[in-house]
Amino acid sequence: ARVSAMKKALGSGVQTDIDRLIGLSEKEIVAGVNICGPRDFKPEHP
């Protein structure tokens, strides 16, 4: 559901929606997790 909201916010370009989603995501960050590079972020992959 967050992925759908992100696509909508980026598509519309509404900065307040993007800022709100960034804030929600930052609150849920898990410390110490080794994340992939930006090009490997494929949330809609099967």
All heavy atoms as atom14 arrays in JSON, in Angstrom:
{
  "sequence": "ARVSAMKKALGSGVQTDIDRLIGLSEKEIVAGVNICGPRDFKPEHP",
  "atom14_mask": [
    [1, 1, 1, 1, 1, 0, 0, 0, 0, 0, 0, 0, 0, 0],
    [1, 1, 1, 1, 1, 1, 1, 1, 1, 1, 1, 0, 0, 0],
    [1, 1, 1, 1, 1, 1, 1, 0, 0, 0, 0, 0, 0, 0],
    [1, 1, 1, 1, 1, 1, 0, 0, 0, 0, 0, 0, 0, 0],
    [1, 1, 1, 1, 1, 0, 0, 0, 0, 0, 0, 0, 0, 0],
    [1, 1, 1, 1, 1, 1, 1, 1, 0, 0, 0, 0, 0, 0],
    [1, 1, 1, 1, 1, 1, 1, 1, 1, 0, 0, 0, 0, 0],
    [1, 1, 1, 1, 1, 1, 1, 1, 1, 0, 0, 0, 0, 0],
    [1, 1, 1, 1, 1, 0, 0, 0, 0, 0, 0, 0, 0, 0],
    [1, 1, 1, 1, 1, 1, 1, 1, 0, 0, 0, 0, 0, 0],
    [1, 1, 1, 1, 0, 0, 0, 0, 0, 0, 0, 0, 0, 0],
    [1, 1, 1, 1, 1, 1, 0, 0, 0, 0, 0, 0, 0, 0],
    [1, 1, 1, 1, 0, 0, 0, 0, 0, 0, 0, 0, 0, 0],
    [1, 1, 1, 1, 1, 1, 1, 0, 0, 0, 0, 0, 0, 0],
    [1, 1, 1, 1, 1, 1, 1, 1, 1, 0, 0, 0, 0, 0],
    [1, 1, 1, 1, 1, 1, 1, 0, 0, 0, 0, 0, 0, 0],
    [1, 1, 1, 1, 1, 1, 1, 1, 0, 0, 0, 0, 0, 0],
    [1, 1, 1, 1, 1, 1, 1, 1, 0, 0, 0, 0, 0, 0],
    [1, 1, 1, 1, 1, 1, 1, 1, 0, 0, 0, 0, 0, 0],
    [1, 1, 1, 1, 1, 1, 1, 1, 1, 1, 1, 0, 0, 0],
    [1, 1, 1, 1, 1, 1, 1, 1, 0, 0, 0, 0, 0, 0],
    [1, 1, 1, 1, 1, 1, 1, 1, 0, 0, 0, 0, 0, 0],
    [1, 1, 1, 1, 0, 0, 0, 0, 0, 0, 0, 0, 0, 0],
    [1, 1, 1, 1, 1, 1, 1, 1, 0, 0, 0, 0, 0, 0],
    [1, 1, 1, 1, 1, 1, 0, 0, 0, 0, 0, 0, 0, 0],
    [1, 1, 1, 1, 1, 1, 1, 1, 1, 0, 0, 0, 0, 0],
    [1, 1, 1, 1, 1, 1, 1, 1, 1, 0, 0, 0, 0, 0],
    [1, 1, 1, 1, 1, 1, 1, 1, 1, 0, 0, 0, 0, 0],
    [1, 1, 1, 1, 1, 1, 1, 1, 0, 0, 0, 0, 0, 0],
    [1, 1, 1, 1, 1, 1, 1, 0, 0, 0, 0, 0, 0, 0],
    [1, 1, 1, 1, 1, 0, 0, 0, 0, 0, 0, 0, 0, 0],
    [1, 1, 1, 1, 0, 0, 0, 0, 0, 0, 0, 0, 0, 0],
    [1, 1, 1, 1, 1, 1, 1, 0, 0, 0, 0, 0, 0, 0],
    [1, 1, 1, 1, 1, 1, 1, 1, 0, 0, 0, 0, 0, 0],
    [1, 1, 1, 1, 1, 1, 1, 1, 0, 0, 0, 0, 0, 0],
    [1, 1, 1, 1, 1, 1, 0, 0, 0, 0, 0, 0, 0, 0],
    [1, 1, 1, 1, 0, 0, 0, 0, 0, 0, 0, 0, 0, 0],
    [1, 1, 1, 1, 1, 1, 1, 0, 0, 0, 0, 0, 0, 0],
    [1, 1, 1, 1, 1, 1, 1, 1, 1, 1, 1, 0, 0, 0],
    [1, 1, 1, 1, 1, 1, 1, 1, 0, 0, 0, 0, 0, 0],
    [1, 1, 1, 1, 1, 1, 1, 1, 1, 1, 1, 0, 0, 0],
    [1, 1, 1, 1, 1, 1, 1, 1, 1, 0, 0, 0, 0, 0],
    [1, 1, 1, 1, 1, 1, 1, 0, 0, 0, 0, 0, 0, 0],
    [1, 1, 1, 1, 1, 1, 1, 1, 1, 0, 0, 0, 0, 0],
    [1, 1, 1, 1, 1, 1, 1, 1, 1, 1, 0, 0, 0, 0],
    [1, 1, 1, 1, 1, 1, 1, 0, 0, 0, 0, 0, 0, 0]
  ],
  "atom14_positions": [
    [[0.84, -1.2, 0.0], [0.0, 0.0, 0.0], [0.87, 1.25, 0.0], [0.56, 2.25, -0.66], [-0.93, -0.01, 1.22], [0.0, 0.0, 0.0], [0.0, 0.0, 0.0], [0.0, 0.0, 0.0], [0.0, 0.0, 0.0], [0.0, 0.0, 0.0], [0.0, 0.0, 0.0], [0.0, 0.0, 0.0], [0.0, 0.0, 0.0], [0.0, 0.0, 0.0]],
    [[1.99, 1.2, 0.72], [2.92, 2.34, 0.74], [3.51, 2.58, -0.66], [3.72, 3.72, -1.06], [4.03, 2.06, 1.75], [5.08, 3.15, 1.9], [4.55, 4.36, 2.65], [4.03, 4.02, 3.94], [4.77, 3.81, 5.05], [6.09, 3.92, 4.98], [4.2, 3.53, 6.2], [0.0, 0.0, 0.0], [0.0, 0.0, 0.0], [0.0, 0.0, 0.0]],
    [[3.78, 1.48, -1.38], [4.32, 1.61, -2.74], [3.34, 2.35, -3.63], [3.72, 3.23, -4.42], [4.65, 0.22, -3.32], [5.01, 0.32, -4.81], [5.8, -0.42, -2.56], [0.0, 0.0, 0.0], [0.0, 0.0, 0.0], [0.0, 0.0, 0.0], [0.0, 0.0, 0.0], [0.0, 0.0, 0.0], [0.0, 0.0, 0.0], [0.0, 0.0, 0.0]],
    [[2.06, 2.0, -3.53], [1.04, 2.68, -4.35], [0.97, 4.17, -4.0], [0.86, 5.02, -4.9], [-0.32, 2.03, -4.11], [-0.31, 0.68, -4.53], [0.0, 0.0, 0.0], [0.0, 0.0, 0.0], [0.0, 0.0, 0.0], [0.0, 0.0, 0.0], [0.0, 0.0, 0.0], [0.0, 0.0, 0.0], [0.0, 0.0, 0.0], [0.0, 0.0, 0.0]],
    [[1.04, 4.47, -2.71], [1.0, 5.87, -2.29], [2.23, 6.61, -2.8], [2.15, 7.79, -3.2], [0.91, 5.96, -0.77], [0.0, 0.0, 0.0], [0.0, 0.0, 0.0], [0.0, 0.0, 0.0], [0.0, 0.0, 0.0], [0.0, 0.0, 0.0], [0.0, 0.0, 0.0], [0.0, 0.0, 0.0], [0.0, 0.0, 0.0], [0.0, 0.0, 0.0]],
    [[3.39, 5.96, -2.81], [4.61, 6.59, -3.3], [4.5, 6.9, -4.79], [4.89, 7.98, -5.24], [5.8, 5.67, -3.03], [6.2, 5.57, -1.55], [7.31, 4.19, -1.2], [8.61, 4.47, -2.38], [0.0, 0.0, 0.0], [0.0, 0.0, 0.0], [0.0, 0.0, 0.0], [0.0, 0.0, 0.0], [0.0, 0.0, 0.0], [0.0, 0.0, 0.0]],
    [[3.99, 5.94, -5.57], [3.84, 6.16, -7.01], [2.9, 7.34, -7.28], [3.17, 8.19, -8.14], [3.29, 4.89, -7.66], [4.28, 3.75, -7.77], [3.66, 2.55, -8.45], [3.23, 2.87, -9.86], [2.69, 1.67, -10.55], [0.0, 0.0, 0.0], [0.0, 0.0, 0.0], [0.0, 0.0, 0.0], [0.0, 0.0, 0.0], [0.0, 0.0, 0.0]],
    [[1.81, 7.39, -6.52], [0.85, 8.47, -6.71], [1.46, 9.82, -6.36], [1.29, 10.8, -7.09], [-0.38, 8.2, -5.86], [-1.48, 9.25, -6.02], [-2.7, 8.9, -5.18], [-3.77, 9.96, -5.33], [-4.97, 9.63, -4.49], [0.0, 0.0, 0.0], [0.0, 0.0, 0.0], [0.0, 0.0, 0.0], [0.0, 0.0, 0.0], [0.0, 0.0, 0.0]],
    [[2.2, 9.86, -5.25], [2.79, 11.13, -4.82], [3.85, 11.61, -5.79], [3.91, 12.79, -6.14], [3.37, 10.98, -3.41], [0.0, 0.0, 0.0], [0.0, 0.0, 0.0], [0.0, 0.0, 0.0], [0.0, 0.0, 0.0], [0.0, 0.0, 0.0], [0.0, 0.0, 0.0], [0.0, 0.0, 0.0], [0.0, 0.0, 0.0], [0.0, 0.0, 0.0]],
    [[4.7, 10.68, -6.26], [5.74, 11.07, -7.21], [5.14, 11.45, -8.56], [5.66, 12.33, -9.25], [6.74, 9.92, -7.38], [7.63, 9.61, -6.16], [8.45, 8.36, -6.4], [8.53, 10.79, -5.84], [0.0, 0.0, 0.0], [0.0, 0.0, 0.0], [0.0, 0.0, 0.0], [0.0, 0.0, 0.0], [0.0, 0.0, 0.0], [0.0, 0.0, 0.0]],
    [[4.05, 10.77, -8.93], [3.4, 11.1, -10.2], [2.74, 12.45, -10.19], [2.78, 13.2, -11.18], [0.0, 0.0, 0.0], [0.0, 0.0, 0.0], [0.0, 0.0, 0.0], [0.0, 0.0, 0.0], [0.0, 0.0, 0.0], [0.0, 0.0, 0.0], [0.0, 0.0, 0.0], [0.0, 0.0, 0.0], [0.0, 0.0, 0.0], [0.0, 0.0, 0.0]],
    [[2.11, 12.78, -9.06], [1.43, 14.08, -8.96], [2.4, 15.21, -8.66], [2.13, 16.37, -8.97], [0.35, 14.02, -7.88], [0.93, 13.82, -6.61], [0.0, 0.0, 0.0], [0.0, 0.0, 0.0], [0.0, 0.0, 0.0], [0.0, 0.0, 0.0], [0.0, 0.0, 0.0], [0.0, 0.0, 0.0], [0.0, 0.0, 0.0], [0.0, 0.0, 0.0]],
    [[3.53, 14.87, -8.03], [4.52, 15.89, -7.71], [4.13, 16.77, -6.55], [4.73, 17.83, -6.35], [0.0, 0.0, 0.0], [0.0, 0.0, 0.0], [0.0, 0.0, 0.0], [0.0, 0.0, 0.0], [0.0, 0.0, 0.0], [0.0, 0.0, 0.0], [0.0, 0.0, 0.0], [0.0, 0.0, 0.0], [0.0, 0.0, 0.0], [0.0, 0.0, 0.0]],
    [[3.16, 16.35, -5.75], [2.73, 17.15, -4.59], [3.79, 16.99, -3.5], [3.94, 15.91, -2.91], [1.35, 16.71, -4.1], [0.94, 17.54, -2.88], [0.31, 16.85, -5.21], [0.0, 0.0, 0.0], [0.0, 0.0, 0.0], [0.0, 0.0, 0.0], [0.0, 0.0, 0.0], [0.0, 0.0, 0.0], [0.0, 0.0, 0.0], [0.0, 0.0, 0.0]],
    [[4.5, 18.09, -3.2], [5.62, 18.01, -2.27], [5.19, 17.65, -0.85], [5.91, 16.94, -0.14], [6.38, 19.35, -2.27], [6.96, 19.74, -3.61], [8.07, 18.81, -4.06], [8.71, 18.17, -3.24], [8.31, 18.74, -5.37], [0.0, 0.0, 0.0], [0.0, 0.0, 0.0], [0.0, 0.0, 0.0], [0.0, 0.0, 0.0], [0.0, 0.0, 0.0]],
    [[4.03, 18.11, -0.44], [3.59, 17.81, 0.92], [3.32, 16.32, 1.09], [3.63, 15.74, 2.15], [2.31, 18.6, 1.25], [1.31, 18.35, 0.24], [2.62, 20.09, 1.31], [0.0, 0.0, 0.0], [0.0, 0.0, 0.0], [0.0, 0.0, 0.0], [0.0, 0.0, 0.0], [0.0, 0.0, 0.0], [0.0, 0.0, 0.0], [0.0, 0.0, 0.0]],
    [[2.76, 15.68, 0.07], [2.53, 14.24, 0.14], [3.85, 13.47, 0.18], [4.0, 12.49, 0.92], [1.71, 13.77, -1.06], [0.26, 14.23, -0.99], [-0.17, 14.66, 0.11], [-0.45, 14.16, -2.02], [0.0, 0.0, 0.0], [0.0, 0.0, 0.0], [0.0, 0.0, 0.0], [0.0, 0.0, 0.0], [0.0, 0.0, 0.0], [0.0, 0.0, 0.0]],
    [[4.81, 13.92, -0.61], [6.11, 13.26, -0.62], [6.8, 13.41, 0.73], [7.36, 12.46, 1.28], [6.99, 13.84, -1.76], [6.37, 13.52, -3.12], [8.41, 13.28, -1.68], [7.09, 14.16, -4.29], [0.0, 0.0, 0.0], [0.0, 0.0, 0.0], [0.0, 0.0, 0.0], [0.0, 0.0, 0.0], [0.0, 0.0, 0.0], [0.0, 0.0, 0.0]],
    [[6.76, 14.63, 1.28], [7.36, 14.87, 2.6], [6.69, 14.01, 3.67], [7.36, 13.49, 4.57], [7.26, 16.34, 2.97], [8.17, 17.22, 2.11], [9.17, 16.69, 1.59], [7.86, 18.42, 1.95], [0.0, 0.0, 0.0], [0.0, 0.0, 0.0], [0.0, 0.0, 0.0], [0.0, 0.0, 0.0], [0.0, 0.0, 0.0], [0.0, 0.0, 0.0]],
    [[5.38, 13.87, 3.59], [4.66, 13.06, 4.58], [5.09, 11.59, 4.49], [5.33, 10.95, 5.52], [3.15, 13.17, 4.33], [2.3, 12.34, 5.29], [0.82, 12.53, 4.99], [0.51, 12.11, 3.64], [0.29, 10.84, 3.29], [0.37, 9.87, 4.2], [-0.02, 10.54, 2.04], [0.0, 0.0, 0.0], [0.0, 0.0, 0.0], [0.0, 0.0, 0.0]],
    [[5.24, 11.07, 3.28], [5.65, 9.67, 3.12], [7.1, 9.46, 3.56], [7.44, 8.41, 4.13], [5.48, 9.25, 1.65], [4.04, 9.1, 1.18], [3.99, 8.87, -0.33], [3.35, 7.94, 1.91], [0.0, 0.0, 0.0], [0.0, 0.0, 0.0], [0.0, 0.0, 0.0], [0.0, 0.0, 0.0], [0.0, 0.0, 0.0], [0.0, 0.0, 0.0]],
    [[7.95, 10.44, 3.29], [9.34, 10.34, 3.77], [9.37, 10.29, 5.29], [10.1, 9.5, 5.91], [10.17, 11.54, 3.25], [10.39, 11.41, 1.74], [11.52, 11.6, 3.97], [11.11, 12.6, 1.12], [0.0, 0.0, 0.0], [0.0, 0.0, 0.0], [0.0, 0.0, 0.0], [0.0, 0.0, 0.0], [0.0, 0.0, 0.0], [0.0, 0.0, 0.0]],
    [[8.55, 11.15, 5.93], [8.5, 11.15, 7.39], [8.01, 9.83, 7.96], [8.56, 9.32, 8.94], [0.0, 0.0, 0.0], [0.0, 0.0, 0.0], [0.0, 0.0, 0.0], [0.0, 0.0, 0.0], [0.0, 0.0, 0.0], [0.0, 0.0, 0.0], [0.0, 0.0, 0.0], [0.0, 0.0, 0.0], [0.0, 0.0, 0.0], [0.0, 0.0, 0.0]],
    [[6.96, 9.25, 7.35], [6.45, 7.96, 7.81], [7.51, 6.87, 7.66], [7.67, 6.01, 8.54], [5.19, 7.59, 7.02], [3.93, 8.42, 7.29], [2.82, 8.02, 6.33], [3.47, 8.23, 8.74], [0.0, 0.0, 0.0], [0.0, 0.0, 0.0], [0.0, 0.0, 0.0], [0.0, 0.0, 0.0], [0.0, 0.0, 0.0], [0.0, 0.0, 0.0]],
    [[8.22, 6.89, 6.54], [9.24, 5.87, 6.3], [10.39, 6.0, 7.29], [10.9, 5.0, 7.81], [9.77, 5.99, 4.86], [8.75, 5.72, 3.92], [0.0, 0.0, 0.0], [0.0, 0.0, 0.0], [0.0, 0.0, 0.0], [0.0, 0.0, 0.0], [0.0, 0.0, 0.0], [0.0, 0.0, 0.0], [0.0, 0.0, 0.0], [0.0, 0.0, 0.0]],
    [[10.81, 7.22, 7.57], [11.94, 7.43, 8.49], [11.62, 6.95, 9.9], [12.51, 6.51, 10.63], [12.33, 8.91, 8.49], [13.01, 9.35, 7.2], [13.39, 10.81, 7.22], [12.76, 11.57, 8.0], [14.28, 11.21, 6.45], [0.0, 0.0, 0.0], [0.0, 0.0, 0.0], [0.0, 0.0, 0.0], [0.0, 0.0, 0.0], [0.0, 0.0, 0.0]],
    [[10.36, 7.05, 10.29], [9.98, 6.58, 11.62], [10.07, 5.05, 11.74], [10.16, 4.52, 12.84], [8.55, 7.04, 11.94], [8.4, 8.54, 12.16], [6.96, 8.9, 12.44], [6.8, 10.41, 12.63], [5.38, 10.79, 12.87], [0.0, 0.0, 0.0], [0.0, 0.0, 0.0], [0.0, 0.0, 0.0], [0.0, 0.0, 0.0], [0.0, 0.0, 0.0]],
    [[10.01, 4.35, 10.6], [10.0, 2.88, 10.61], [11.35, 2.27, 10.26], [11.47, 1.05, 10.12], [8.95, 2.37, 9.62], [7.53, 2.82, 9.97], [6.53, 2.45, 8.88], [6.95, 1.8, 7.89], [5.35, 2.8, 9.02], [0.0, 0.0, 0.0], [0.0, 0.0, 0.0], [0.0, 0.0, 0.0], [0.0, 0.0, 0.0], [0.0, 0.0, 0.0]],
    [[12.39, 3.11, 10.12], [13.71, 2.58, 9.76], [14.24, 1.68, 10.88], [14.19, 2.03, 12.06], [14.69, 3.74, 9.5], [14.32, 4.45, 8.18], [16.13, 3.23, 9.43], [15.2, 5.64, 7.86], [0.0, 0.0, 0.0], [0.0, 0.0, 0.0], [0.0, 0.0, 0.0], [0.0, 0.0, 0.0], [0.0, 0.0, 0.0], [0.0, 0.0, 0.0]],
    [[14.74, 0.51, 10.48], [15.33, -0.44, 11.43], [16.84, -0.24, 11.43], [17.5, -0.37, 10.39], [15.0, -1.9, 11.03], [15.65, -2.88, 12.0], [13.49, -2.1, 10.98], [0.0, 0.0, 0.0], [0.0, 0.0, 0.0], [0.0, 0.0, 0.0], [0.0, 0.0, 0.0], [0.0, 0.0, 0.0], [0.0, 0.0, 0.0], [0.0, 0.0, 0.0]],
    [[17.4, 0.09, 12.58], [18.84, 0.36, 12.68], [19.65, -0.9, 12.42], [19.28, -2.0, 12.81], [19.17, 0.92, 14.06], [0.0, 0.0, 0.0], [0.0, 0.0, 0.0], [0.0, 0.0, 0.0], [0.0, 0.0, 0.0], [0.0, 0.0, 0.0], [0.0, 0.0, 0.0], [0.0, 0.0, 0.0], [0.0, 0.0, 0.0], [0.0, 0.0, 0.0]],
    [[20.8, -0.73, 11.74], [21.73, -1.83, 11.55], [21.46, -2.73, 10.36], [22.16, -3.71, 10.16], [0.0, 0.0, 0.0], [0.0, 0.0, 0.0], [0.0, 0.0, 0.0], [0.0, 0.0, 0.0], [0.0, 0.0, 0.0], [0.0, 0.0, 0.0], [0.0, 0.0, 0.0], [0.0, 0.0, 0.0], [0.0, 0.0, 0.0], [0.0, 0.0, 0.0]],
    [[20.44, -2.4, 9.55], [20.12, -3.24, 8.39], [21.0, -2.82, 7.21], [21.12, -1.63, 6.91], [18.63, -3.11, 8.01], [18.35, -3.88, 6.72], [17.77, -3.63, 9.14], [0.0, 0.0, 0.0], [0.0, 0.0, 0.0], [0.0, 0.0, 0.0], [0.0, 0.0, 0.0], [0.0, 0.0, 0.0], [0.0, 0.0, 0.0], [0.0, 0.0, 0.0]],
    [[21.59, -3.79, 6.55], [22.45, -3.52, 5.4], [21.57, -3.46, 4.15], [21.11, -4.49, 3.65], [23.49, -4.63, 5.26], [24.56, -4.28, 4.25], [24.89, -3.11, 4.09], [25.09, -5.28, 3.58], [0.0, 0.0, 0.0], [0.0, 0.0, 0.0], [0.0, 0.0, 0.0], [0.0, 0.0, 0.0], [0.0, 0.0, 0.0], [0.0, 0.0, 0.0]],
    [[21.32, -2.26, 3.64], [20.38, -2.11, 2.53], [21.1, -2.18, 1.19], [22.31, -1.99, 1.1], [19.59, -0.78, 2.63], [20.53, 0.42, 2.53], [18.8, -0.73, 3.93], [19.82, 1.74, 2.47], [0.0, 0.0, 0.0], [0.0, 0.0, 0.0], [0.0, 0.0, 0.0], [0.0, 0.0, 0.0], [0.0, 0.0, 0.0], [0.0, 0.0, 0.0]],
    [[20.31, -2.45, 0.14], [20.83, -2.54, -1.22], [21.06, -1.15, -1.8], [20.66, -0.14, -1.23], [19.87, -3.31, -2.12], [19.44, -4.96, -1.51], [0.0, 0.0, 0.0], [0.0, 0.0, 0.0], [0.0, 0.0, 0.0], [0.0, 0.0, 0.0], [0.0, 0.0, 0.0], [0.0, 0.0, 0.0], [0.0, 0.0, 0.0], [0.0, 0.0, 0.0]],
    [[21.69, -1.11, -2.97], [21.87, 0.14, -3.68], [20.55, 0.63, -4.26], [19.6, -0.15, -4.41], [0.0, 0.0, 0.0], [0.0, 0.0, 0.0], [0.0, 0.0, 0.0], [0.0, 0.0, 0.0], [0.0, 0.0, 0.0], [0.0, 0.0, 0.0], [0.0, 0.0, 0.0], [0.0, 0.0, 0.0], [0.0, 0.0, 0.0], [0.0, 0.0, 0.0]],
    [[20.46, 1.9, -4.64], [19.19, 2.46, -5.15], [18.64, 1.7, -6.35], [17.43, 1.52, -6.48], [19.58, 3.9, -5.53], [20.74, 4.22, -4.66], [21.5, 2.94, -4.51], [0.0, 0.0, 0.0], [0.0, 0.0, 0.0], [0.0, 0.0, 0.0], [0.0, 0.0, 0.0], [0.0, 0.0, 0.0], [0.0, 0.0, 0.0], [0.0, 0.0, 0.0]],
    [[19.51, 1.22, -7.26], [19.02, 0.56, -8.46], [18.42, -0.81, -8.17], [17.71, -1.37, -9.01], [20.15, 0.41, -9.48], [21.27, -0.52, -9.04], [22.32, -0.62, -10.14], [23.37, -1.56, -9.76], [24.41, -1.85, -10.56], [24.52, -1.25, -11.74], [25.33, -2.7, -10.16], [0.0, 0.0, 0.0], [0.0, 0.0, 0.0], [0.0, 0.0, 0.0]],
    [[18.7, -1.36, -7.0], [18.16, -2.67, -6.64], [16.83, -2.58, -5.89], [16.27, -3.6, -5.49], [19.17, -3.45, -5.78], [20.43, -3.79, -6.55], [20.31, -4.1, -7.74], [21.53, -3.73, -5.96], [0.0, 0.0, 0.0], [0.0, 0.0, 0.0], [0.0, 0.0, 0.0], [0.0, 0.0, 0.0], [0.0, 0.0, 0.0], [0.0, 0.0, 0.0]],
    [[16.35, -1.36, -5.66], [15.07, -1.18, -4.97], [13.95, -1.39, -5.99], [13.67, -0.52, -6.81], [15.0, 0.22, -4.35], [13.72, 0.49, -3.6], [13.35, -0.31, -2.53], [12.89, 1.53, -3.96], [12.18, -0.07, -1.83], [11.72, 1.78, -3.27], [11.36, 0.97, -2.2], [0.0, 0.0, 0.0], [0.0, 0.0, 0.0], [0.0, 0.0, 0.0]],
    [[13.32, -2.55, -5.95], [12.26, -2.92, -6.9], [11.06, -3.45, -6.12], [10.81, -4.66, -6.07], [12.77, -3.98, -7.88], [14.0, -3.51, -8.68], [14.58, -4.63, -9.52], [15.82, -4.14, -10.27], [16.44, -5.25, -11.06], [0.0, 0.0, 0.0], [0.0, 0.0, 0.0], [0.0, 0.0, 0.0], [0.0, 0.0, 0.0], [0.0, 0.0, 0.0]],
    [[10.32, -2.55, -5.48], [9.23, -2.98, -4.6], [8.07, -3.66, -5.32], [7.26, -4.33, -4.66], [8.79, -1.67, -3.93], [9.19, -0.6, -4.89], [10.46, -1.08, -5.51], [0.0, 0.0, 0.0], [0.0, 0.0, 0.0], [0.0, 0.0, 0.0], [0.0, 0.0, 0.0], [0.0, 0.0, 0.0], [0.0, 0.0, 0.0], [0.0, 0.0, 0.0]],
    [[7.98, -3.5, -6.62], [6.87, -4.12, -7.35], [7.27, -5.4, -8.05], [6.51, -5.96, -8.82], [6.31, -3.12, -8.38], [5.67, -1.9, -7.73], [5.05, -0.97, -8.75], [5.82, -0.24, -9.41], [3.81, -0.98, -8.88], [0.0, 0.0, 0.0], [0.0, 0.0, 0.0], [0.0, 0.0, 0.0], [0.0, 0.0, 0.0], [0.0, 0.0, 0.0]],
    [[8.48, -5.87, -7.77], [8.94, -7.12, -8.38], [8.1, -8.29, -7.87], [7.73, -8.32, -6.69], [10.42, -7.36, -8.07], [11.06, -8.4, -8.93], [10.92, -9.75, -8.69], [11.83, -8.28, -10.04], [11.59, -10.42, -9.62], [12.16, -9.56, -10.45], [0.0, 0.0, 0.0], [0.0, 0.0, 0.0], [0.0, 0.0, 0.0], [0.0, 0.0, 0.0]],
    [[7.8, -9.26, -8.72], [6.93, -10.38, -8.29], [7.47, -11.2, -7.13], [6.69, -11.85, -6.43], [6.84, -11.25, -9.57], [7.09, -10.31, -10.7], [8.08, -9.3, -10.18], [0.0, 0.0, 0.0], [0.0, 0.0, 0.0], [0.0, 0.0, 0.0], [0.0, 0.0, 0.0], [0.0, 0.0, 0.0], [0.0, 0.0, 0.0], [0.0, 0.0, 0.0]]
  ]
}
